[in-house]
Amino acid sequence: MPESVSRRSVLLGGTLAGAAALTTAAALPVAALPGAGSPRRGEVFTLGVASGDPAPDGVVLWTRLAADPLAEDGMGGMPDKALPVQWEVAEDERFARVVQRGEAQAAPELGHSVHVELTGLRPDRDYFYRFRAGDSLSPTGRTRTAPLPGALTSLSMAFASCAQYEHGYFTAYRHLADEHPDLVLHLGDYNYEYEAGVYVAPGGNPRDHAGPETETLANYRQRHAQYKSDPDLQHAHAAAPWVVVWDDHEVDNNWADEIHEKPEIPQPHFLERRKAAFQAYYENMPLRRAQIPRGIDLRLHRRVQWGRLASFHMLDTRQYRDDQVGGDKFPTQDPQRLDPKRSLTGAEQERWLLKGLQQSNARWDVLGQQVMFAEIDYLNGEEKGYNPDAWDGYVGSRERVVQGWKRAKVRNPVVLTGDVHTHWANDIHHRDEIVGTELTTTSITSGGDGSAQLTDKEKAYLEENPHVRLYSNQRGYISTRITPDELRADYRVLPYVSKPGAPVQTLASFVIEDGKPGLNEA
């Protein structure tokens, strides 16, 4: 490992004003949707479209108007007034079979974003949607509703994490979209807060951030707009519904509850920064009304059901955690990490999770979260060292979750993880027993091109941690196929991200069999 004590260098190489602008889908008559003729495309829909958090009868549709996405005031070149936006949903991509139409208001208080919470759709179906504002017509997005609660319908799901715009091109998002998944999970670090050139990938940054380090609402809105302007990311959002949770960089590196990255350096306005980041995150994601921020708080943990096949317990491991032990130095040997009172999730979210596991009748219970769950020793030999930012820094939290799913007799516990910019496949042990599985996705771009060859230090990870079945420092994502009988995970990798157009391939595949925790090579 590098000699630096920085975790990053080692591991990674108030209710909103204008809430009335939110729209619950209420069908309008066909005549209410203007737009005869062939409208010009794209004048204000420069940030694309998205959908998210599917239910059996609906989904959230999202867009945000921006004529000048990188405007420094964060308002995207839009006027300081609410603008009407029409939406329509169809059973076919040509919109010959429109099933719902309506109108929403894109208000400046919400960054001219639109969140439409659809209801009344049929379960387990593809739908197509688009928006219109004046003479501008948005791109078309595809979404999908969830199956009925009792259904064991198979699911194609991909998940990703850590897309640093400066570190490379988002080609992995395009490949992910081209696989036509039913559902996409994003596990955090959707964007990064740094000023251009502060966080440099090995070999240099092929792209630059616009604007300063994000601290104000205008900064965060501008940064989200820059990321959303990327065509590969737009392609991925338009391909399937997403379920999103954040990690740290959507606010500030390694933040913990009300504590910023470097407490020794005063940041007196951190809570205002957190509030601004939360508002911009809501504005730019396909989230439901339940996720509207209230001051410095936003309840992001929630559950998304895919029939009786899978329950996705989406966790927030940033907003409620105790501060990292040992000054957040990596690797840590600080015994405080063993303190059973320390919490990564906070007490309320932990109770919510354990109750959900106890009540679940899903074939697969999936924890969608940010940081490494399995115990990982990062030092060779007799000494042991752990990541203070991961569950290893909160051993009591992990113990309570594992004991909780054991008491609940969870049939198939699977943990999905991002954060570390590398692929990992881990058996989760509790004492001498394999009790679950962790699939950790590498980054979309963060860390730059990476390498297919393991260093001696990286090889030592596998030697020190025999429960780790795969480690890879290449960029990419993980594609899964979940059926009643098995969960198959394909580890997808790209040879480079420093220039566009990289091919993709499957590095390795694993299967988890129903009722048999642990990884099997496919």
Protein backbone atom coordinates (compact mmCIF):
# COMPACT_ATOMS: atom_id res chain seq x y z
CA MET A 1 0.00 0.00 0.00
CA PRO A 2 1.14 3.59 -0.49
CA GLU A 3 2.79 5.11 2.53
CA SER A 4 0.32 7.99 2.86
CA VAL A 5 -1.91 7.91 5.92
CA SER A 6 -4.81 9.23 3.86
CA ARG A 7 -7.63 6.72 3.44
CA ARG A 8 -8.26 8.12 -0.04
CA SER A 9 -4.73 7.65 -1.32
CA VAL A 10 -4.70 4.08 -0.01
CA LEU A 11 -8.13 2.80 -0.91
CA LEU A 12 -9.06 4.88 -3.86
CA GLY A 13 -5.76 5.56 -5.73
CA GLY A 14 -36.36 23.18 6.41
CA THR A 15 -38.79 21.76 3.88
CA LEU A 16 -38.03 23.04 0.44
CA ALA A 17 -39.78 26.15 -0.73
CA GLY A 18 -41.84 25.42 -3.78
CA ALA A 19 -42.84 21.93 -2.71
CA ALA A 20 -46.15 22.61 -4.38
CA ALA A 21 -44.32 22.23 -7.68
CA LEU A 22 -44.27 18.48 -7.06
CA THR A 23 -46.82 16.63 -9.10
CA THR A 24 -48.83 13.52 -8.41
CA ALA A 25 -49.80 12.15 -11.80
CA ALA A 26 -53.32 13.23 -12.60
CA ALA A 27 -54.30 12.39 -16.14
CA LEU A 28 -55.29 15.29 -18.34
CA PRO A 29 -57.38 14.95 -21.46
CA VAL A 30 -55.40 14.44 -24.63
CA ALA A 31 -56.32 17.90 -25.85
CA ALA A 32 -54.62 19.45 -22.83
CA LEU A 33 -51.18 18.57 -24.15
CA PRO A 34 -50.09 21.23 -26.66
CA GLY A 35 -47.62 20.73 -29.44
CA ALA A 36 -49.00 20.13 -32.90
CA GLY A 37 -46.32 19.64 -35.52
CA SER A 38 -42.70 18.63 -34.94
CA PRO A 39 -41.20 20.59 -32.04
CA ARG A 40 -37.49 21.29 -31.93
CA ARG A 41 -35.60 19.03 -29.54
CA GLY A 42 -33.39 19.88 -26.63
CA GLU A 43 -33.40 23.65 -26.02
CA VAL A 44 -34.18 23.31 -22.31
CA PHE A 45 -33.89 19.55 -21.84
CA THR A 46 -30.10 19.62 -21.86
CA LEU A 47 -29.92 17.49 -18.70
CA GLY A 48 -31.97 14.60 -20.07
CA VAL A 49 -34.67 12.63 -18.31
CA ALA A 50 -34.76 9.98 -15.60
CA SER A 51 -37.09 7.73 -13.64
CA GLY A 52 -36.77 6.04 -10.28
CA ASP A 53 -38.11 4.16 -7.26
CA PRO A 54 -40.54 1.90 -9.14
CA ALA A 55 -43.68 0.50 -7.54
CA PRO A 56 -46.21 -1.97 -8.99
CA ASP A 57 -48.51 0.88 -10.09
CA GLY A 58 -46.06 3.65 -10.91
CA VAL A 59 -42.68 5.29 -10.84
CA VAL A 60 -41.14 8.74 -10.42
CA LEU A 61 -40.39 10.69 -13.60
CA TRP A 62 -37.76 13.42 -13.50
CA THR A 63 -36.33 16.21 -15.61
CA ARG A 64 -34.80 19.62 -15.00
CA LEU A 65 -34.93 22.59 -17.34
CA ALA A 66 -31.62 24.22 -18.22
CA ALA A 67 -30.87 26.36 -21.26
CA ASP A 68 -27.35 27.08 -19.96
CA PRO A 69 -26.42 24.12 -17.73
CA LEU A 70 -23.13 25.56 -16.43
CA ALA A 71 -24.47 28.97 -15.44
CA GLU A 72 -22.58 30.05 -12.32
CA ASP A 73 -25.72 30.98 -10.42
CA GLY A 74 -26.90 27.38 -10.67
CA MET A 75 -30.16 28.33 -12.36
CA GLY A 76 -29.28 26.89 -15.74
CA GLY A 77 -30.07 30.07 -17.64
CA MET A 78 -33.76 29.82 -16.77
CA PRO A 79 -35.99 32.75 -15.74
CA ASP A 80 -36.93 33.37 -12.12
CA LYS A 81 -40.45 32.04 -12.49
CA ALA A 82 -42.29 28.75 -12.63
CA LEU A 83 -42.71 27.22 -16.06
CA PRO A 84 -45.32 24.66 -17.15
CA VAL A 85 -43.97 21.30 -18.28
CA GLN A 86 -46.18 18.70 -19.92
CA TRP A 87 -45.46 15.01 -19.58
CA GLU A 88 -46.82 11.89 -21.22
CA VAL A 89 -46.43 8.16 -20.71
CA ALA A 90 -47.00 5.52 -23.37
CA GLU A 91 -46.83 1.77 -23.84
CA ASP A 92 -44.70 2.16 -26.95
CA GLU A 93 -41.65 4.20 -27.89
CA ARG A 94 -43.50 5.99 -30.72
CA PHE A 95 -46.22 7.17 -28.29
CA ALA A 96 -49.02 5.69 -30.36
CA ARG A 97 -50.53 4.20 -27.17
CA VAL A 98 -50.40 7.03 -24.64
CA VAL A 99 -51.82 6.00 -21.26
CA GLN A 100 -51.35 9.17 -19.18
CA ARG A 101 -50.67 12.86 -19.74
CA GLY A 102 -50.39 15.76 -17.37
CA GLU A 103 -48.69 19.00 -16.47
CA ALA A 104 -46.22 19.98 -13.74
CA GLN A 105 -44.61 23.25 -12.74
CA ALA A 106 -40.84 23.64 -12.95
CA ALA A 107 -40.25 26.12 -10.13
CA PRO A 108 -37.04 28.10 -9.52
CA GLU A 109 -37.21 27.13 -5.84
CA LEU A 110 -36.50 23.56 -6.97
CA GLY A 111 -33.92 24.49 -9.60
CA HIS A 112 -36.60 24.14 -12.31
CA SER A 113 -36.74 20.41 -11.66
CA VAL A 114 -39.84 18.29 -12.12
CA HIS A 115 -40.76 15.19 -10.10
CA VAL A 116 -43.88 13.37 -11.30
CA GLU A 117 -45.09 10.52 -9.06
CA LEU A 118 -47.05 8.27 -11.37
CA THR A 119 -49.81 5.97 -10.18
CA GLY A 120 -52.37 3.90 -12.05
CA LEU A 121 -49.92 2.00 -14.27
CA ARG A 122 -49.91 -1.75 -14.77
CA PRO A 123 -47.37 -3.85 -12.85
CA ASP A 124 -44.28 -5.42 -14.37
CA ARG A 125 -44.45 -3.41 -17.61
CA ASP A 126 -42.16 -1.26 -19.70
CA TYR A 127 -43.36 2.29 -20.31
CA PHE A 128 -41.94 5.21 -22.26
CA TYR A 129 -42.12 8.84 -21.22
CA ARG A 130 -41.15 12.32 -22.35
CA PHE A 131 -41.63 15.96 -21.43
CA ARG A 132 -42.47 19.12 -23.33
CA ALA A 133 -41.86 22.77 -22.39
CA GLY A 134 -42.95 25.32 -24.94
CA ASP A 135 -41.51 24.20 -28.26
CA SER A 136 -38.90 21.93 -26.69
CA LEU A 137 -39.38 18.18 -26.57
CA SER A 138 -37.27 16.06 -24.26
CA PRO A 139 -35.53 12.82 -25.16
CA THR A 140 -37.60 9.68 -24.56
CA GLY A 141 -36.95 7.58 -21.48
CA ARG A 142 -37.81 3.96 -20.79
CA THR A 143 -38.96 2.88 -17.36
CA ARG A 144 -40.49 -0.19 -15.78
CA THR A 145 -42.97 -0.83 -13.00
CA ALA A 146 -42.31 -3.41 -10.29
CA PRO A 147 -44.19 -6.72 -10.18
CA LEU A 148 -47.15 -7.33 -7.88
CA PRO A 149 -46.22 -8.05 -4.24
CA GLY A 150 -46.58 -11.83 -4.48
CA ALA A 151 -44.77 -12.30 -7.78
CA LEU A 152 -41.43 -14.10 -8.12
CA THR A 153 -40.60 -12.38 -11.39
CA SER A 154 -36.93 -12.54 -12.36
CA LEU A 155 -34.96 -9.30 -12.39
CA SER A 156 -32.06 -7.91 -14.39
CA MET A 157 -30.34 -5.36 -12.13
CA ALA A 158 -27.07 -3.45 -12.54
CA PHE A 159 -25.35 -1.35 -9.92
CA ALA A 160 -22.61 1.27 -9.98
CA SER A 161 -20.75 3.78 -7.85
CA CYS A 162 -18.14 6.53 -7.89
CA ALA A 163 -18.16 8.58 -11.09
CA GLN A 164 -15.53 11.33 -10.89
CA TYR A 165 -16.10 13.48 -13.99
CA GLU A 166 -12.50 14.65 -14.10
CA HIS A 167 -11.03 11.16 -13.94
CA GLY A 168 -12.46 9.88 -17.20
CA TYR A 169 -15.32 9.34 -19.56
CA PHE A 170 -18.56 7.72 -18.49
CA THR A 171 -18.38 4.94 -21.09
CA ALA A 172 -19.25 2.37 -18.43
CA TYR A 173 -22.66 4.00 -17.99
CA ARG A 174 -23.33 3.57 -21.71
CA HIS A 175 -22.41 -0.11 -21.63
CA LEU A 176 -24.57 -0.59 -18.55
CA ALA A 177 -27.53 1.00 -20.34
CA ASP A 178 -26.98 -1.08 -23.47
CA GLU A 179 -27.56 -4.22 -21.39
CA HIS A 180 -31.19 -3.07 -20.92
CA PRO A 181 -31.50 -3.75 -17.19
CA ASP A 182 -34.89 -3.66 -15.50
CA LEU A 183 -33.42 -1.65 -12.63
CA VAL A 184 -30.24 0.33 -11.83
CA LEU A 185 -28.93 0.96 -8.32
CA HIS A 186 -26.46 3.78 -7.73
CA LEU A 187 -24.62 3.39 -4.43
CA GLY A 188 -23.10 6.81 -4.04
CA ASP A 189 -20.46 9.30 -5.16
CA TYR A 190 -22.70 10.22 -8.07
CA ASN A 191 -20.66 13.40 -8.36
CA TYR A 192 -17.63 14.95 -6.66
CA GLU A 193 -17.20 18.23 -4.85
CA TYR A 194 -13.66 19.25 -5.79
CA GLU A 195 -12.46 22.28 -7.72
CA ALA A 196 -10.75 21.39 -10.99
CA GLY A 197 -7.35 19.77 -10.54
CA VAL A 198 -7.52 19.19 -6.77
CA TYR A 199 -8.20 15.45 -7.05
CA VAL A 200 -5.98 14.11 -9.83
CA ALA A 201 -6.09 10.58 -11.20
CA PRO A 202 -2.86 8.71 -11.95
CA GLY A 203 -1.82 9.87 -15.41
CA GLY A 204 -3.75 13.14 -15.10
CA ASN A 205 -7.35 14.26 -15.55
CA PRO A 206 -8.79 14.18 -19.07
CA ARG A 207 -11.65 16.51 -18.08
CA ASP A 208 -12.15 19.40 -15.65
CA HIS A 209 -14.86 20.39 -13.24
CA ALA A 210 -16.59 23.71 -13.80
CA GLY A 211 -16.77 26.12 -10.88
CA PRO A 212 -15.19 26.11 -7.42
CA GLU A 213 -15.40 23.38 -4.79
CA THR A 214 -19.09 22.93 -4.14
CA GLU A 215 -20.24 24.69 -0.97
CA THR A 216 -23.34 26.69 -1.92
CA LEU A 217 -26.63 25.73 -3.51
CA ALA A 218 -25.56 27.44 -6.73
CA ASN A 219 -22.30 25.42 -6.71
CA TYR A 220 -24.07 22.09 -6.18
CA ARG A 221 -26.69 22.84 -8.81
CA GLN A 222 -23.98 23.72 -11.33
CA ARG A 223 -22.00 20.56 -10.53
CA HIS A 224 -25.05 18.31 -10.88
CA ALA A 225 -25.81 20.01 -14.19
CA GLN A 226 -22.31 19.37 -15.48
CA TYR A 227 -22.58 15.68 -14.68
CA LYS A 228 -26.12 15.40 -16.04
CA SER A 229 -24.91 17.02 -19.29
CA ASP A 230 -22.77 13.97 -20.01
CA PRO A 231 -24.40 11.97 -22.85
CA ASP A 232 -23.40 8.57 -21.47
CA LEU A 233 -24.95 9.32 -18.09
CA GLN A 234 -28.09 10.61 -19.79
CA HIS A 235 -28.24 7.40 -21.81
CA ALA A 236 -28.08 5.31 -18.63
CA HIS A 237 -30.79 7.34 -16.88
CA ALA A 238 -33.08 7.04 -19.89
CA ALA A 239 -32.63 3.27 -20.11
CA ALA A 240 -34.23 2.13 -16.83
CA PRO A 241 -35.53 3.30 -13.45
CA TRP A 242 -32.81 4.09 -10.91
CA VAL A 243 -32.75 3.72 -7.13
CA VAL A 244 -30.15 6.07 -5.68
CA VAL A 245 -28.37 6.62 -2.37
CA TRP A 246 -25.46 8.94 -1.64
CA ASP A 247 -22.06 8.43 -0.11
CA ASP A 248 -19.71 11.25 0.89
CA HIS A 249 -18.73 13.25 -2.22
CA GLU A 250 -22.25 14.47 -2.89
CA VAL A 251 -21.51 16.69 0.14
CA ASP A 252 -17.90 16.60 1.34
CA ASN A 253 -15.27 13.86 1.41
CA ASN A 254 -15.63 11.54 4.43
CA TRP A 255 -18.24 13.67 6.21
CA ALA A 256 -19.92 12.08 9.22
CA ASP A 257 -23.29 13.42 10.36
CA GLU A 258 -22.59 17.05 11.35
CA ILE A 259 -18.80 16.70 11.15
CA HIS A 260 -16.92 17.73 8.02
CA GLU A 261 -13.88 16.00 6.55
CA LYS A 262 -11.18 17.79 8.55
CA PRO A 263 -12.51 18.94 11.94
CA GLU A 264 -9.13 20.43 12.75
CA ILE A 265 -9.70 22.99 9.98
CA PRO A 266 -12.74 25.11 10.88
CA GLN A 267 -15.65 24.98 8.45
CA PRO A 268 -18.21 27.10 10.32
CA HIS A 269 -20.80 26.90 7.56
CA PHE A 270 -20.73 23.12 7.14
CA LEU A 271 -24.37 22.62 8.10
CA GLU A 272 -25.42 25.23 5.55
CA ARG A 273 -23.27 23.37 3.03
CA ARG A 274 -24.93 20.09 3.96
CA LYS A 275 -28.37 21.68 3.60
CA ALA A 276 -27.49 23.03 0.14
CA ALA A 277 -26.06 19.70 -0.98
CA PHE A 278 -29.18 17.84 0.17
CA GLN A 279 -31.49 20.23 -1.67
CA ALA A 280 -29.48 19.96 -4.89
CA TYR A 281 -29.39 16.18 -4.57
CA TYR A 282 -33.16 16.00 -4.28
CA GLU A 283 -33.62 18.42 -7.17
CA ASN A 284 -31.43 16.34 -9.46
CA MET A 285 -32.57 12.81 -8.64
CA PRO A 286 -35.76 10.87 -9.43
CA LEU A 287 -36.86 10.78 -5.80
CA ARG A 288 -40.31 10.77 -4.24
CA ARG A 289 -42.00 13.43 -2.14
CA ALA A 290 -40.95 11.47 0.95
CA GLN A 291 -37.36 12.46 0.23
CA ILE A 292 -37.90 16.23 0.26
CA PRO A 293 -35.21 17.66 2.58
CA ARG A 294 -36.23 19.32 5.80
CA GLY A 295 -33.46 21.73 6.68
CA ILE A 296 -30.26 19.74 7.15
CA ASP A 297 -32.10 16.39 7.10
CA LEU A 298 -33.19 14.16 4.24
CA ARG A 299 -34.54 10.67 4.87
CA LEU A 300 -32.87 8.69 2.12
CA HIS A 301 -33.10 5.19 3.59
CA ARG A 302 -36.09 3.42 2.14
CA ARG A 303 -37.25 0.09 0.77
CA VAL A 304 -38.01 -0.85 -2.84
CA GLN A 305 -39.80 -4.16 -3.43
CA TRP A 306 -39.51 -6.29 -6.55
CA GLY A 307 -42.49 -8.53 -5.93
CA ARG A 308 -41.62 -11.35 -3.55
CA LEU A 309 -38.33 -11.91 -5.37
CA ALA A 310 -36.25 -9.14 -3.80
CA SER A 311 -36.46 -6.48 -1.15
CA PHE A 312 -33.93 -3.67 -1.60
CA HIS A 313 -33.12 -2.07 1.75
CA MET A 314 -31.38 1.16 0.68
CA LEU A 315 -29.18 2.51 3.46
CA ASP A 316 -27.64 5.88 4.29
CA THR A 317 -24.29 5.32 6.03
CA ARG A 318 -23.30 9.01 6.16
CA GLN A 319 -26.01 11.14 7.70
CA TYR A 320 -26.30 9.43 11.08
CA ARG A 321 -22.88 7.88 11.73
CA ASP A 322 -20.50 8.50 14.60
CA ASP A 323 -17.25 10.11 13.50
CA GLN A 324 -14.51 7.84 12.22
CA VAL A 325 -12.04 6.57 14.81
CA GLY A 326 -8.34 7.34 14.86
CA GLY A 327 -8.69 10.65 13.11
CA ASP A 328 -9.86 8.75 10.00
CA LYS A 329 -6.30 7.57 9.33
CA PHE A 330 -5.96 4.44 7.24
CA PRO A 331 -5.39 1.69 8.15
CA THR A 332 -6.49 2.00 11.74
CA GLN A 333 -5.64 -0.10 14.75
CA ASP A 334 -7.67 2.08 17.09
CA PRO A 335 -9.51 -0.18 19.56
CA GLN A 336 -12.40 2.31 19.69
CA ARG A 337 -13.66 0.74 16.47
CA LEU A 338 -14.76 -2.22 18.67
CA ASP A 339 -16.93 -0.03 20.92
CA PRO A 340 -20.40 -1.63 20.67
CA LYS A 341 -22.10 1.73 21.15
CA ARG A 342 -20.65 3.17 17.93
CA SER A 343 -23.08 3.29 15.02
CA LEU A 344 -22.71 3.62 11.28
CA THR A 345 -26.44 3.82 10.55
CA GLY A 346 -27.79 5.59 13.61
CA ALA A 347 -30.20 3.92 16.00
CA GLU A 348 -33.45 4.78 14.17
CA GLN A 349 -32.24 3.52 10.79
CA GLU A 350 -30.83 0.37 12.39
CA ARG A 351 -34.22 -0.38 13.98
CA TRP A 352 -35.90 0.27 10.62
CA LEU A 353 -33.55 -2.15 8.88
CA LEU A 354 -33.83 -4.91 11.45
CA LYS A 355 -37.62 -4.64 11.53
CA GLY A 356 -37.72 -4.78 7.74
CA LEU A 357 -35.56 -7.91 7.71
CA GLN A 358 -37.76 -9.49 10.38
CA GLN A 359 -40.93 -8.80 8.38
CA SER A 360 -39.55 -9.61 4.95
CA ASN A 361 -40.91 -12.50 2.93
CA ALA A 362 -38.61 -11.81 -0.03
CA ARG A 363 -36.53 -14.56 -1.54
CA TRP A 364 -33.54 -12.17 -1.59
CA ASP A 365 -32.94 -9.40 0.96
CA VAL A 366 -30.47 -6.96 -0.57
CA LEU A 367 -28.74 -4.17 1.35
CA GLY A 368 -27.88 -1.35 -1.05
CA GLN A 369 -25.26 0.72 0.73
CA GLN A 370 -21.94 2.48 0.40
CA VAL A 371 -18.94 1.15 2.34
CA MET A 372 -17.24 -2.24 2.73
CA PHE A 373 -19.23 -4.56 4.96
CA ALA A 374 -16.95 -7.61 5.27
CA GLU A 375 -13.95 -7.49 7.58
CA ILE A 376 -10.83 -6.62 5.56
CA ASP A 377 -7.32 -6.64 7.02
CA TYR A 378 -5.09 -4.25 5.06
CA LEU A 379 -1.78 -5.11 6.79
CA ASN A 380 0.48 -8.07 6.07
CA GLY A 381 1.61 -10.51 8.72
CA GLU A 382 0.68 -10.50 12.39
CA GLU A 383 -0.39 -6.86 12.51
CA LYS A 384 -3.93 -6.00 11.52
CA GLY A 385 -5.25 -2.73 10.15
CA TYR A 386 -8.74 -1.75 9.05
CA ASN A 387 -10.60 0.94 7.18
CA PRO A 388 -12.10 3.32 9.78
CA ASP A 389 -14.61 4.69 7.26
CA ALA A 390 -16.17 1.27 6.55
CA TRP A 391 -18.14 -1.16 8.73
CA ASP A 392 -14.77 -2.24 10.17
CA GLY A 393 -14.75 1.08 12.00
CA TYR A 394 -18.20 0.30 13.45
CA VAL A 395 -17.93 -3.34 14.47
CA GLY A 396 -20.92 -3.12 16.83
CA SER A 397 -23.15 -1.90 14.00
CA ARG A 398 -22.11 -4.79 11.78
CA GLU A 399 -22.59 -7.32 14.56
CA ARG A 400 -26.13 -6.11 15.24
CA VAL A 401 -27.07 -6.26 11.56
CA VAL A 402 -25.66 -9.76 11.07
CA GLN A 403 -27.28 -11.00 14.29
CA GLY A 404 -30.50 -9.36 13.10
CA TRP A 405 -30.62 -11.20 9.81
CA LYS A 406 -29.66 -14.45 11.54
CA ARG A 407 -32.47 -14.06 14.09
CA ALA A 408 -34.89 -13.20 11.30
CA LYS A 409 -33.74 -16.28 9.38
CA VAL A 410 -33.25 -14.17 6.28
CA ARG A 411 -33.18 -16.62 3.44
CA ASN A 412 -30.61 -14.89 1.23
CA PRO A 413 -28.83 -11.83 2.66
CA VAL A 414 -26.74 -9.99 0.05
CA VAL A 415 -24.85 -6.74 0.62
CA LEU A 416 -24.13 -4.42 -2.33
CA THR A 417 -21.27 -1.96 -1.85
CA GLY A 418 -19.47 0.87 -3.65
CA ASP A 419 -16.97 3.49 -2.40
CA VAL A 420 -13.58 1.76 -2.80
CA HIS A 421 -13.05 2.16 -6.59
CA THR A 422 -12.23 -1.54 -6.95
CA HIS A 423 -14.16 -4.74 -7.58
CA TRP A 424 -14.42 -7.15 -4.64
CA ALA A 425 -16.38 -10.38 -4.15
CA ASN A 426 -16.57 -11.35 -0.48
CA ASP A 427 -18.04 -14.14 1.58
CA ILE A 428 -19.34 -12.61 4.82
CA HIS A 429 -18.25 -14.60 7.84
CA HIS A 430 -19.66 -14.56 11.36
CA ARG A 431 -17.23 -16.44 13.53
CA ASP A 432 -16.55 -19.61 11.49
CA GLU A 433 -19.75 -19.54 9.44
CA ILE A 434 -20.49 -18.01 6.05
CA VAL A 435 -23.66 -16.01 6.70
CA GLY A 436 -23.99 -13.80 3.62
CA THR A 437 -22.39 -12.40 0.51
CA GLU A 438 -20.98 -8.99 -0.43
CA LEU A 439 -20.73 -7.77 -4.01
CA THR A 440 -18.60 -4.61 -4.22
CA THR A 441 -18.54 -2.66 -7.46
CA THR A 442 -15.58 -0.71 -8.70
CA SER A 443 -15.92 2.88 -9.86
CA ILE A 444 -17.31 4.20 -13.12
CA THR A 445 -14.23 6.45 -13.47
CA SER A 446 -12.79 7.35 -10.05
CA GLY A 447 -9.12 6.46 -9.85
CA GLY A 448 -8.54 6.73 -13.59
CA ASP A 449 -7.74 3.85 -15.90
CA GLY A 450 -6.63 1.39 -13.23
CA SER A 451 -4.79 -1.80 -14.14
CA ALA A 452 -5.59 -5.41 -14.92
CA GLN A 453 -2.37 -6.46 -13.17
CA LEU A 454 -2.34 -6.73 -9.38
CA THR A 455 0.50 -5.20 -7.43
CA ASP A 456 2.22 -7.13 -4.67
CA LYS A 457 0.28 -5.09 -2.12
CA GLU A 458 -3.00 -5.98 -3.82
CA LYS A 459 -2.08 -9.66 -4.00
CA ALA A 460 -1.50 -9.48 -0.26
CA TYR A 461 -5.13 -8.44 0.25
CA LEU A 462 -6.18 -11.83 -1.08
CA GLU A 463 -3.60 -13.67 1.02
CA GLU A 464 -4.60 -11.87 4.23
CA ASN A 465 -8.33 -12.23 3.57
CA PRO A 466 -9.20 -15.71 2.26
CA HIS A 467 -12.91 -14.82 2.27
CA VAL A 468 -12.19 -12.36 -0.57
CA ARG A 469 -12.83 -14.24 -3.78
CA LEU A 470 -12.04 -11.45 -6.24
CA TYR A 471 -10.19 -8.14 -6.28
CA SER A 472 -9.68 -5.95 -9.36
CA ASN A 473 -8.47 -2.38 -9.88
CA GLN A 474 -10.26 -1.76 -13.17
CA ARG A 475 -13.22 0.52 -13.82
CA GLY A 476 -16.72 -0.78 -14.52
CA TYR A 477 -19.90 -1.98 -12.79
CA ILE A 478 -21.70 -5.18 -11.82
CA SER A 479 -24.62 -6.72 -13.70
CA THR A 480 -26.85 -9.19 -11.92
CA ARG A 481 -29.58 -11.59 -12.85
CA ILE A 482 -31.82 -12.49 -9.91
CA THR A 483 -34.18 -15.45 -10.13
CA PRO A 484 -35.96 -17.49 -7.43
CA ASP A 485 -33.14 -20.04 -7.61
CA GLU A 486 -29.98 -17.94 -7.82
CA LEU A 487 -28.34 -14.56 -8.04
CA ARG A 488 -25.70 -14.30 -10.77
CA ALA A 489 -23.21 -11.41 -10.68
CA ASP A 490 -21.09 -10.49 -13.70
CA TYR A 491 -18.14 -8.22 -12.91
CA ARG A 492 -17.85 -5.91 -15.91
CA VAL A 493 -14.61 -4.02 -16.61
CA LEU A 494 -13.21 -1.49 -19.07
CA PRO A 495 -9.53 -1.30 -20.08
CA TYR A 496 -9.45 2.51 -19.85
CA VAL A 497 -11.57 5.58 -19.14
CA SER A 498 -9.05 8.31 -19.97
CA LYS A 499 -10.48 8.44 -23.49
CA PRO A 500 -13.95 7.64 -24.75
CA GLY A 501 -15.11 4.49 -26.48
CA ALA A 502 -13.59 1.72 -24.35
CA PRO A 503 -14.97 -1.81 -24.86
CA VAL A 504 -16.38 -3.79 -21.94
CA GLN A 505 -15.86 -7.38 -20.91
CA THR A 506 -16.78 -9.71 -18.06
CA LEU A 507 -13.82 -10.24 -15.75
CA ALA A 508 -15.49 -12.89 -13.59
CA SER A 509 -18.92 -14.25 -12.71
CA PHE A 510 -20.26 -15.66 -9.47
CA VAL A 511 -23.50 -17.38 -8.51
CA ILE A 512 -25.18 -17.35 -5.12
CA GLU A 513 -27.56 -20.28 -4.79
CA ASP A 514 -30.89 -19.89 -3.05
CA GLY A 515 -30.54 -20.78 0.61
CA LYS A 516 -26.77 -21.30 0.39
CA PRO A 517 -24.80 -18.20 1.40
CA GLY A 518 -21.43 -17.77 -0.27
CA LEU A 519 -20.00 -17.33 -3.72
CA ASN A 520 -19.64 -19.97 -6.41
CA GLU A 521 -17.63 -19.30 -9.56
CA ALA A 522 -19.84 -19.41 -12.63
